Amino acid sequence: MSRAGLGGRLGTRGQRALAVELLRAGIGIAHLLGARRALGRPAVLGRVLGVRQLGQAALVLRAGTADAHTVSALVDATHGVTMVPLALIDRQSRRFAVRQLWIATLLTVLEVALVGRGRR
């Protein structure tokens, strides 16, 4: 299908949602590839997060609802919050946790921006 055809079918909100979830899937793939080079806990966490990001992108795209994006934002926000103590306590995982905090914050903001103010 041509790009114009896809854009016409999805609409502006659909295009933004697709872009966010493709970004998420790309992050998941990057986690999986990065985990191949990492050692210890960051390698395990990278694999788990890679699979989670890919699964989350697929589920949110499949559902395609504002509620799915809201839940996705909550998952990302929760993930970001859990990275704070890891960054503070675990020296081995600190860089990984800080990167995850930034990624989680970005994805949370993007998901919330898709939903807007929610139902009226």
Foldseek 3Di string as FASTA:
>chain_A
DDPVVVCVVQDPLRVLLLVLLVVLLVQLVVLQVVLVVDDDPSSVVSPVSSVVSNVLSVVCNVVVDLVSLVVVLVVLVVLLVVLVVCLVPPPVCNVVSVVSNVVSVVSNVSSCVSQDPHDD
